[in-house]
Amino acid sequence: MLIYGFKLFIFMYFIGLIVMCLKCSHLLLMLLSLEFIVLSLFFGLLICILTYMYEGYFLMVFLSFSVCEGAVGLSILVSMVRNYGKDYFNSFNILW
C-alpha cells in the first residue's frame, strides 16, 4: 500500500509540473498548478510522516506556508488584472 502512495505522489507532482510548463501564458492556471504541486508535496510528506511515525506538527507549518503562498499569488493576480486588464503574460512587456 505504501508503494502505491509514493507512486501516486510522484505522479501528482509530475502532472503538476507538466501543466505548469504547458500553461505558462496564464497566471491563474500557473497558480492552480502550483497549488496542485503543493498539495502533492503535502501528500508525500503525509506519507513519509505516517510511515516513520513522526510528529505531524511540520504538516501544519507546511500548510500555513502554502496558504501564505496562495494568498500572495492571488494578490499578484488581482493587482495584475486591475493594472493590465488580463492575466496573460505575453500581452505586456515587463521591461518597459
PDB file of N, CA and C in Angstrom:
ATOM      1  N   MET A   1       0.822  -1.196   0.000  1.00  0.00           N
ATOM      2  CA  MET A   1       0.000   0.000   0.000  1.00  0.00           C
ATOM      3  C   MET A   1       0.864   1.257   0.000  1.00  0.00           C
ATOM      4  N   LEU A   2       2.006   1.194   0.682  1.00  0.00           N
ATOM      5  CA  LEU A   2       2.896   2.339   0.763  1.00  0.00           C
ATOM      6  C   LEU A   2       3.510   2.677  -0.593  1.00  0.00           C
ATOM      7  N   ILE A   3       3.810   1.640  -1.371  1.00  0.00           N
ATOM      8  CA  ILE A   3       4.389   1.854  -2.699  1.00  0.00           C
ATOM      9  C   ILE A   3       3.404   2.596  -3.591  1.00  0.00           C
ATOM     10  N   TYR A   4       2.119   2.271  -3.496  1.00  0.00           N
ATOM     11  CA  TYR A   4       1.109   2.951  -4.304  1.00  0.00           C
ATOM     12  C   TYR A   4       0.980   4.414  -3.902  1.00  0.00           C
ATOM     13  N   GLY A   5       1.141   4.705  -2.628  1.00  0.00           N
ATOM     14  CA  GLY A   5       1.088   6.090  -2.175  1.00  0.00           C
ATOM     15  C   GLY A   5       2.243   6.901  -2.727  1.00  0.00           C
ATOM     16  N   PHE A   6       3.459   6.337  -2.718  1.00  0.00           N
ATOM     17  CA  PHE A   6       4.605   7.040  -3.282  1.00  0.00           C
ATOM     18  C   PHE A   6       4.467   7.209  -4.787  1.00  0.00           C
ATOM     19  N   LYS A   7       3.938   6.198  -5.466  1.00  0.00           N
ATOM     20  CA  LYS A   7       3.727   6.317  -6.911  1.00  0.00           C
ATOM     21  C   LYS A   7       2.701   7.386  -7.223  1.00  0.00           C
ATOM     22  N   LEU A   8       1.642   7.463  -6.427  1.00  0.00           N
ATOM     23  CA  LEU A   8       0.628   8.497  -6.626  1.00  0.00           C
ATOM     24  C   LEU A   8       1.207   9.880  -6.357  1.00  0.00           C
ATOM     25  N   PHE A   9       2.046  10.008  -5.335  1.00  0.00           N
ATOM     26  CA  PHE A   9       2.694  11.275  -5.038  1.00  0.00           C
ATOM     27  C   PHE A   9       3.572  11.733  -6.192  1.00  0.00           C
ATOM     28  N   ILE A  10       4.384  10.854  -6.728  1.00  0.00           N
ATOM     29  CA  ILE A  10       5.275  11.208  -7.838  1.00  0.00           C
ATOM     30  C   ILE A  10       4.476  11.530  -9.088  1.00  0.00           C
ATOM     31  N   PHE A  11       3.411  10.770  -9.349  1.00  0.00           N
ATOM     32  CA  PHE A  11       2.549  11.036 -10.496  1.00  0.00           C
ATOM     33  C   PHE A  11       1.888  12.408 -10.381  1.00  0.00           C
ATOM     34  N   MET A  12       1.359  12.716  -9.197  1.00  0.00           N
ATOM     35  CA  MET A  12       0.717  14.018  -8.993  1.00  0.00           C
ATOM     36  C   MET A  12       1.720  15.155  -9.159  1.00  0.00           C
ATOM     37  N   TYR A  13       2.917  14.981  -8.627  1.00  0.00           N
ATOM     38  CA  TYR A  13       3.934  16.021  -8.713  1.00  0.00           C
ATOM     39  C   TYR A  13       4.321  16.308 -10.160  1.00  0.00           C
ATOM     40  N   PHE A  14       4.560  15.256 -10.944  1.00  0.00           N
ATOM     41  CA  PHE A  14       4.979  15.468 -12.320  1.00  0.00           C
ATOM     42  C   PHE A  14       3.842  15.971 -13.206  1.00  0.00           C
ATOM     43  N   ILE A  15       2.616  15.584 -12.929  1.00  0.00           N
ATOM     44  CA  ILE A  15       1.480  16.132 -13.671  1.00  0.00           C
ATOM     45  C   ILE A  15       1.362  17.627 -13.405  1.00  0.00           C
ATOM     46  N   GLY A  16       1.560  18.035 -12.155  1.00  0.00           N
ATOM     47  CA  GLY A  16       1.546  19.455 -11.829  1.00  0.00           C
ATOM     48  C   GLY A  16       2.649  20.217 -12.530  1.00  0.00           C
ATOM     49  N   LEU A  17       3.845  19.641 -12.594  1.00  0.00           N
ATOM     50  CA  LEU A  17       4.945  20.291 -13.306  1.00  0.00           C
ATOM     51  C   LEU A  17       4.685  20.394 -14.799  1.00  0.00           C
ATOM     52  N   ILE A  18       4.117  19.351 -15.384  1.00  0.00           N
ATOM     53  CA  ILE A  18       3.824  19.366 -16.818  1.00  0.00           C
ATOM     54  C   ILE A  18       2.777  20.425 -17.139  1.00  0.00           C
ATOM     55  N   VAL A  19       1.733  20.502 -16.329  1.00  0.00           N
ATOM     56  CA  VAL A  19       0.698  21.512 -16.562  1.00  0.00           C
ATOM     57  C   VAL A  19       1.271  22.911 -16.381  1.00  0.00           C
ATOM     58  N   MET A  20       2.141  23.089 -15.409  1.00  0.00           N
ATOM     59  CA  MET A  20       2.746  24.400 -15.197  1.00  0.00           C
ATOM     60  C   MET A  20       3.633  24.804 -16.367  1.00  0.00           C
ATOM     61  N   CYS A  21       4.324  23.849 -16.954  1.00  0.00           N
ATOM     62  CA  CYS A  21       5.178  24.161 -18.102  1.00  0.00           C
ATOM     63  C   CYS A  21       4.367  24.404 -19.369  1.00  0.00           C
ATOM     64  N   LEU A  22       3.251  23.699 -19.532  1.00  0.00           N
ATOM     65  CA  LEU A  22       2.469  23.844 -20.759  1.00  0.00           C
ATOM     66  C   LEU A  22       1.551  25.062 -20.738  1.00  0.00           C
ATOM     67  N   LYS A  23       1.054  25.449 -19.593  1.00  0.00           N
ATOM     68  CA  LYS A  23       0.114  26.566 -19.476  1.00  0.00           C
ATOM     69  C   LYS A  23       0.778  27.783 -18.848  1.00  0.00           C
ATOM     70  N   CYS A  24       1.912  28.186 -19.379  1.00  0.00           N
ATOM     71  CA  CYS A  24       2.655  29.274 -18.751  1.00  0.00           C
ATOM     72  C   CYS A  24       2.234  30.649 -19.254  1.00  0.00           C
ATOM     73  N   SER A  25       1.181  30.758 -20.052  1.00  0.00           N
ATOM     74  CA  SER A  25       0.760  32.072 -20.521  1.00  0.00           C
ATOM     75  C   SER A  25      -0.252  32.720 -19.598  1.00  0.00           C
ATOM     76  N   HIS A  26      -0.997  31.966 -18.821  1.00  0.00           N
ATOM     77  CA  HIS A  26      -1.987  32.500 -17.883  1.00  0.00           C
ATOM     78  C   HIS A  26      -1.469  32.391 -16.456  1.00  0.00           C
ATOM     79  N   LEU A  27      -1.588  33.474 -15.718  1.00  0.00           N
ATOM     80  CA  LEU A  27      -1.143  33.454 -14.330  1.00  0.00           C
ATOM     81  C   LEU A  27      -2.060  32.601 -13.464  1.00  0.00           C
ATOM     82  N   LEU A  28      -3.355  32.625 -13.720  1.00  0.00           N
ATOM     83  CA  LEU A  28      -4.295  31.847 -12.913  1.00  0.00           C
ATOM     84  C   LEU A  28      -4.052  30.348 -13.062  1.00  0.00           C
ATOM     85  N   LEU A  29      -3.807  29.881 -14.276  1.00  0.00           N
ATOM     86  CA  LEU A  29      -3.521  28.455 -14.474  1.00  0.00           C
ATOM     87  C   LEU A  29      -2.192  28.050 -13.842  1.00  0.00           C
ATOM     88  N   MET A  30      -1.230  28.965 -13.863  1.00  0.00           N
ATOM     89  CA  MET A  30       0.039  28.666 -13.206  1.00  0.00           C
ATOM     90  C   MET A  30      -0.130  28.591 -11.696  1.00  0.00           C
ATOM     91  N   LEU A  31      -0.964  29.463 -11.130  1.00  0.00           N
ATOM     92  CA  LEU A  31      -1.213  29.412  -9.691  1.00  0.00           C
ATOM     93  C   LEU A  31      -1.954  28.139  -9.299  1.00  0.00           C
ATOM     94  N   LEU A  32      -2.904  27.714 -10.124  1.00  0.00           N
ATOM     95  CA  LEU A  32      -3.625  26.474  -9.830  1.00  0.00           C
ATOM     96  C   LEU A  32      -2.702  25.262  -9.901  1.00  0.00           C
ATOM     97  N   SER A  33      -1.824  25.227 -10.898  1.00  0.00           N
ATOM     98  CA  SER A  33      -0.899  24.096 -10.991  1.00  0.00           C
ATOM     99  C   SER A  33       0.130  24.140  -9.855  1.00  0.00           C
ATOM    100  N   LEU A  34       0.516  25.347  -9.423  1.00  0.00           N
ATOM    101  CA  LEU A  34       1.425  25.457  -8.292  1.00  0.00           C
ATOM    102  C   LEU A  34       0.765  24.966  -7.008  1.00  0.00           C
ATOM    103  N   GLU A  35      -0.504  25.260  -6.827  1.00  0.00           N
ATOM    104  CA  GLU A  35      -1.220  24.748  -5.660  1.00  0.00           C
ATOM    105  C   GLU A  35      -1.387  23.227  -5.734  1.00  0.00           C
ATOM    106  N   PHE A  36      -1.543  22.676  -6.939  1.00  0.00           N
ATOM    107  CA  PHE A  36      -1.605  21.223  -7.093  1.00  0.00           C
ATOM    108  C   PHE A  36      -0.267  20.587  -6.732  1.00  0.00           C
ATOM    109  N   ILE A  37       0.829  21.237  -7.095  1.00  0.00           N
ATOM    110  CA  ILE A  37       2.156  20.735  -6.733  1.00  0.00           C
ATOM    111  C   ILE A  37       2.335  20.764  -5.217  1.00  0.00           C
ATOM    112  N   VAL A  38       1.877  21.852  -4.586  1.00  0.00           N
ATOM    113  CA  VAL A  38       1.970  21.950  -3.132  1.00  0.00           C
ATOM    114  C   VAL A  38       1.114  20.875  -2.470  1.00  0.00           C
ATOM    115  N   LEU A  39      -0.058  20.613  -3.030  1.00  0.00           N
ATOM    116  CA  LEU A  39      -0.918  19.558  -2.498  1.00  0.00           C
ATOM    117  C   LEU A  39      -0.258  18.188  -2.624  1.00  0.00           C
ATOM    118  N   SER A  40       0.414  17.950  -3.744  1.00  0.00           N
ATOM    119  CA  SER A  40       1.104  16.672  -3.904  1.00  0.00           C
ATOM    120  C   SER A  40       2.290  16.561  -2.944  1.00  0.00           C
ATOM    121  N   LEU A  41       2.989  17.666  -2.703  1.00  0.00           N
ATOM    122  CA  LEU A  41       4.072  17.641  -1.722  1.00  0.00           C
ATOM    123  C   LEU A  41       3.539  17.390  -0.312  1.00  0.00           C
ATOM    124  N   PHE A  42       2.387  17.962  -0.001  1.00  0.00           N
ATOM    125  CA  PHE A  42       1.763  17.692   1.290  1.00  0.00           C
ATOM    126  C   PHE A  42       1.400  16.218   1.418  1.00  0.00           C
ATOM    127  N   PHE A  43       0.889  15.645   0.337  1.00  0.00           N
ATOM    128  CA  PHE A  43       0.549  14.225   0.341  1.00  0.00           C
ATOM    129  C   PHE A  43       1.797  13.368   0.539  1.00  0.00           C
ATOM    130  N   GLY A  44       2.889  13.727  -0.131  1.00  0.00           N
ATOM    131  CA  GLY A  44       4.145  12.996   0.047  1.00  0.00           C
ATOM    132  C   GLY A  44       4.697  13.118   1.454  1.00  0.00           C
ATOM    133  N   LEU A  45       4.615  14.325   2.029  1.00  0.00           N
ATOM    134  CA  LEU A  45       5.052  14.497   3.411  1.00  0.00           C
ATOM    135  C   LEU A  45       4.185  13.704   4.375  1.00  0.00           C
ATOM    136  N   LEU A  46       2.896  13.676   4.108  1.00  0.00           N
ATOM    137  CA  LEU A  46       1.985  12.908   4.951  1.00  0.00           C
ATOM    138  C   LEU A  46       2.327  11.427   4.914  1.00  0.00           C
ATOM    139  N   ILE A  47       2.636  10.912   3.748  1.00  0.00           N
ATOM    140  CA  ILE A  47       3.009   9.504   3.619  1.00  0.00           C
ATOM    141  C   ILE A  47       4.303   9.222   4.385  1.00  0.00           C
ATOM    142  N   CYS A  48       5.294  10.104   4.233  1.00  0.00           N
ATOM    143  CA  CYS A  48       6.565   9.898   4.938  1.00  0.00           C
ATOM    144  C   CYS A  48       6.391   9.982   6.448  1.00  0.00           C
ATOM    145  N   ILE A  49       5.616  10.949   6.898  1.00  0.00           N
ATOM    146  CA  ILE A  49       5.432  11.101   8.339  1.00  0.00           C
ATOM    147  C   ILE A  49       4.646   9.933   8.916  1.00  0.00           C
ATOM    148  N   LEU A  50       3.637   9.447   8.206  1.00  0.00           N
ATOM    149  CA  LEU A  50       2.884   8.298   8.705  1.00  0.00           C
ATOM    150  C   LEU A  50       3.696   7.007   8.639  1.00  0.00           C
ATOM    151  N   THR A  51       4.590   6.903   7.655  1.00  0.00           N
ATOM    152  CA  THR A  51       5.412   5.703   7.526  1.00  0.00           C
ATOM    153  C   THR A  51       6.405   5.584   8.680  1.00  0.00           C
ATOM    154  N   TYR A  52       7.086   6.689   8.983  1.00  0.00           N
ATOM    155  CA  TYR A  52       8.120   6.647  10.017  1.00  0.00           C
ATOM    156  C   TYR A  52       7.601   7.046  11.393  1.00  0.00           C
ATOM    157  N   MET A  53       6.304   7.289  11.514  1.00  0.00           N
ATOM    158  CA  MET A  53       5.633   7.609  12.774  1.00  0.00           C
ATOM    159  C   MET A  53       6.256   8.812  13.483  1.00  0.00           C
ATOM    160  N   TYR A  54       6.473   9.889  12.714  1.00  0.00           N
ATOM    161  CA  TYR A  54       6.966  11.139  13.281  1.00  0.00           C
ATOM    162  C   TYR A  54       5.789  11.991  13.743  1.00  0.00           C
ATOM    163  N   GLU A  55       6.117  13.111  14.362  1.00  0.00           N
ATOM    164  CA  GLU A  55       5.090  14.057  14.781  1.00  0.00           C
ATOM    165  C   GLU A  55       4.566  14.816  13.557  1.00  0.00           C
ATOM    166  N   GLY A  56       3.315  15.156  13.579  1.00  0.00           N
ATOM    167  CA  GLY A  56       2.692  15.807  12.435  1.00  0.00           C
ATOM    168  C   GLY A  56       2.658  17.316  12.499  1.00  0.00           C
ATOM    169  N   TYR A  57       3.450  17.929  13.392  1.00  0.00           N
ATOM    170  CA  TYR A  57       3.428  19.377  13.527  1.00  0.00           C
ATOM    171  C   TYR A  57       4.014  20.077  12.303  1.00  0.00           C
ATOM    172  N   PHE A  58       4.953  19.432  11.654  1.00  0.00           N
ATOM    173  CA  PHE A  58       5.544  20.046  10.469  1.00  0.00           C
ATOM    174  C   PHE A  58       4.514  20.201   9.360  1.00  0.00           C
ATOM    175  N   LEU A  59       3.534  19.328   9.316  1.00  0.00           N
ATOM    176  CA  LEU A  59       2.482  19.445   8.299  1.00  0.00           C
ATOM    177  C   LEU A  59       1.673  20.725   8.489  1.00  0.00           C
ATOM    178  N   MET A  60       1.447  21.127   9.729  1.00  0.00           N
ATOM    179  CA  MET A  60       0.726  22.380   9.985  1.00  0.00           C
ATOM    180  C   MET A  60       1.547  23.582   9.541  1.00  0.00           C
ATOM    181  N   VAL A  61       2.855  23.534   9.768  1.00  0.00           N
ATOM    182  CA  VAL A  61       3.729  24.617   9.319  1.00  0.00           C
ATOM    183  C   VAL A  61       3.739  24.667   7.793  1.00  0.00           C
ATOM    184  N   PHE A  62       3.817  23.509   7.172  1.00  0.00           N
ATOM    185  CA  PHE A  62       3.811  23.441   5.712  1.00  0.00           C
ATOM    186  C   PHE A  62       2.503  23.977   5.147  1.00  0.00           C
ATOM    187  N   LEU A  63       1.386  23.617   5.747  1.00  0.00           N
ATOM    188  CA  LEU A  63       0.090  24.116   5.279  1.00  0.00           C
ATOM    189  C   LEU A  63      -0.037  25.624   5.465  1.00  0.00           C
ATOM    190  N   SER A  64       0.478  26.145   6.561  1.00  0.00           N
ATOM    191  CA  SER A  64       0.392  27.595   6.760  1.00  0.00           C
ATOM    192  C   SER A  64       1.245  28.344   5.738  1.00  0.00           C
ATOM    193  N   PHE A  65       2.428  27.822   5.411  1.00  0.00           N
ATOM    194  CA  PHE A  65       3.246  28.459   4.379  1.00  0.00           C
ATOM    195  C   PHE A  65       2.604  28.341   2.999  1.00  0.00           C
ATOM    196  N   SER A  66       1.951  27.236   2.725  1.00  0.00           N
ATOM    197  CA  SER A  66       1.300  27.095   1.417  1.00  0.00           C
ATOM    198  C   SER A  66       0.089  28.017   1.302  1.00  0.00           C
ATOM    199  N   VAL A  67      -0.616  28.261   2.405  1.00  0.00           N
ATOM    200  CA  VAL A  67      -1.725  29.218   2.379  1.00  0.00           C
ATOM    201  C   VAL A  67      -1.204  30.629   2.151  1.00  0.00           C
ATOM    202  N   CYS A  68      -0.085  30.964   2.787  1.00  0.00           N
ATOM    203  CA  CYS A  68       0.519  32.283   2.565  1.00  0.00           C
ATOM    204  C   CYS A  68       0.980  32.440   1.120  1.00  0.00           C
ATOM    205  N   GLU A  69       1.522  31.391   0.558  1.00  0.00           N
ATOM    206  CA  GLU A  69       1.951  31.423  -0.855  1.00  0.00           C
ATOM    207  C   GLU A  69       0.753  31.609  -1.777  1.00  0.00           C
ATOM    208  N   GLY A  70      -0.344  30.956  -1.482  1.00  0.00           N
ATOM    209  CA  GLY A  70      -1.548  31.119  -2.292  1.00  0.00           C
ATOM    210  C   GLY A  70      -2.129  32.519  -2.179  1.00  0.00           C
ATOM    211  N   ALA A  71      -2.094  33.099  -0.991  1.00  0.00           N
ATOM    212  CA  ALA A  71      -2.606  34.455  -0.808  1.00  0.00           C
ATOM    213  C   ALA A  71      -1.753  35.477  -1.543  1.00  0.00           C
ATOM    214  N   VAL A  72      -0.440  35.302  -1.515  1.00  0.00           N
ATOM    215  CA  VAL A  72       0.439  36.212  -2.250  1.00  0.00           C
ATOM    216  C   VAL A  72       0.211  36.081  -3.753  1.00  0.00           C
ATOM    217  N   GLY A  73       0.045  34.858  -4.235  1.00  0.00           N
ATOM    218  CA  GLY A  73      -0.217  34.652  -5.658  1.00  0.00           C
ATOM    219  C   GLY A  73      -1.527  35.278  -6.096  1.00  0.00           C
ATOM    220  N   LEU A  74      -2.566  35.135  -5.290  1.00  0.00           N
ATOM    221  CA  LEU A  74      -3.854  35.745  -5.640  1.00  0.00           C
ATOM    222  C   LEU A  74      -3.791  37.258  -5.581  1.00  0.00           C
ATOM    223  N   SER A  75      -3.029  37.817  -4.650  1.00  0.00           N
ATOM    224  CA  SER A  75      -2.899  39.275  -4.610  1.00  0.00           C
ATOM    225  C   SER A  75      -2.140  39.792  -5.826  1.00  0.00           C
ATOM    226  N   ILE A  76      -1.134  39.065  -6.282  1.00  0.00           N
ATOM    227  CA  ILE A  76      -0.436  39.441  -7.510  1.00  0.00           C
ATOM    228  C   ILE A  76      -1.373  39.347  -8.710  1.00  0.00           C
ATOM    229  N   LEU A  77      -2.207  38.322  -8.738  1.00  0.00           N
ATOM    230  CA  LEU A  77      -3.175  38.168  -9.826  1.00  0.00           C
ATOM    231  C   LEU A  77      -4.172  39.322  -9.844  1.00  0.00           C
ATOM    232  N   VAL A  78      -4.682  39.701  -8.681  1.00  0.00           N
ATOM    233  CA  VAL A  78      -5.658  40.795  -8.611  1.00  0.00           C
ATOM    234  C   VAL A  78      -5.026  42.106  -9.032  1.00  0.00           C
ATOM    235  N   SER A  79      -3.818  42.375  -8.568  1.00  0.00           N
ATOM    236  CA  SER A  79      -3.166  43.625  -8.965  1.00  0.00           C
ATOM    237  C   SER A  79      -2.827  43.646 -10.444  1.00  0.00           C
ATOM    238  N   MET A  80      -2.492  42.494 -11.020  1.00  0.00           N
ATOM    239  CA  MET A  80      -2.194  42.419 -12.443  1.00  0.00           C
ATOM    240  C   MET A  80      -3.448  42.635 -13.274  1.00  0.00           C
ATOM    241  N   VAL A  81      -4.562  42.075 -12.852  1.00  0.00           N
ATOM    242  CA  VAL A  81      -5.814  42.252 -13.585  1.00  0.00           C
ATOM    243  C   VAL A  81      -6.292  43.699 -13.467  1.00  0.00           C
ATOM    244  N   ARG A  82      -6.107  44.313 -12.322  1.00  0.00           N
ATOM    245  CA  ARG A  82      -6.512  45.720 -12.168  1.00  0.00           C
ATOM    246  C   ARG A  82      -5.648  46.655 -13.001  1.00  0.00           C
ATOM    247  N   ASN A  83      -4.363  46.375 -13.099  1.00  0.00           N
ATOM    248  CA  ASN A  83      -3.464  47.274 -13.840  1.00  0.00           C
ATOM    249  C   ASN A  83      -3.509  47.049 -15.341  1.00  0.00           C
ATOM    250  N   TYR A  84      -3.567  45.805 -15.777  1.00  0.00           N
ATOM    251  CA  TYR A  84      -3.441  45.494 -17.196  1.00  0.00           C
ATOM    252  C   TYR A  84      -4.730  44.984 -17.827  1.00  0.00           C
ATOM    253  N   GLY A  85      -5.695  44.546 -17.043  1.00  0.00           N
ATOM    254  CA  GLY A  85      -6.973  44.099 -17.576  1.00  0.00           C
ATOM    255  C   GLY A  85      -7.058  42.632 -17.909  1.00  0.00           C
ATOM    256  N   LYS A  86      -5.966  41.906 -17.837  1.00  0.00           N
ATOM    257  CA  LYS A  86      -5.975  40.464 -18.127  1.00  0.00           C
ATOM    258  C   LYS A  86      -4.797  39.801 -17.435  1.00  0.00           C
ATOM    259  N   ASP A  87      -4.776  38.471 -17.474  1.00  0.00           N
ATOM    260  CA  ASP A  87      -3.698  37.752 -16.788  1.00  0.00           C
ATOM    261  C   ASP A  87      -2.756  37.045 -17.757  1.00  0.00           C
ATOM    262  N   TYR A  88      -2.697  37.507 -19.004  1.00  0.00           N
ATOM    263  CA  TYR A  88      -1.762  36.933 -19.960  1.00  0.00           C
ATOM    264  C   TYR A  88      -0.364  37.471 -19.699  1.00  0.00           C
ATOM    265  N   PHE A  89       0.621  36.607 -19.726  1.00  0.00           N
ATOM    266  CA  PHE A  89       1.993  37.061 -19.591  1.00  0.00           C
ATOM    267  C   PHE A  89       2.519  37.623 -20.907  1.00  0.00           C
ATOM    268  N   ASN A  90       2.026  37.135 -22.017  1.00  0.00           N
ATOM    269  CA  ASN A  90       2.554  37.538 -23.306  1.00  0.00           C
ATOM    270  C   ASN A  90       2.013  38.880 -23.790  1.00  0.00           C
ATOM    271  N   SER A  91       0.991  39.432 -23.127  1.00  0.00           N
ATOM    272  CA  SER A  91       0.362  40.646 -23.634  1.00  0.00           C
ATOM    273  C   SER A  91       1.053  41.923 -23.195  1.00  0.00           C
ATOM    274  N   PHE A  92       1.933  41.853 -22.235  1.00  0.00           N
ATOM    275  CA  PHE A  92       2.647  43.051 -21.806  1.00  0.00           C
ATOM    276  C   PHE A  92       4.116  42.737 -21.616  1.00  0.00           C
ATOM    277  N   ASN A  93       4.905  43.774 -21.681  1.00  0.00           N
ATOM    278  CA  ASN A  93       6.339  43.615 -21.528  1.00  0.00           C
ATOM    279  C   ASN A  93       6.751  44.160 -20.164  1.00  0.00           C
ATOM    280  N   ILE A  94       7.448  43.390 -19.388  1.00  0.00           N
ATOM    281  CA  ILE A  94       7.836  43.782 -18.049  1.00  0.00           C
ATOM    282  C   ILE A  94       8.957  44.819 -18.105  1.00  0.00           C
ATOM    283  N   LEU A  95       9.740  44.836 -19.159  1.00  0.00           N
ATOM    284  CA  LEU A  95      10.908  45.706 -19.235  1.00  0.00           C
ATOM    285  C   LEU A  95      10.580  47.144 -19.616  1.00  0.00           C
ATOM    286  N   TRP A  96       9.334  47.479 -19.921  1.00  0.00           N
ATOM    287  CA  TRP A  96       9.007  48.852 -20.340  1.00  0.00           C
ATOM    288  C   TRP A  96       9.156  49.814 -19.238  1.00  0.00           C
TER     289      TRP A  96
END
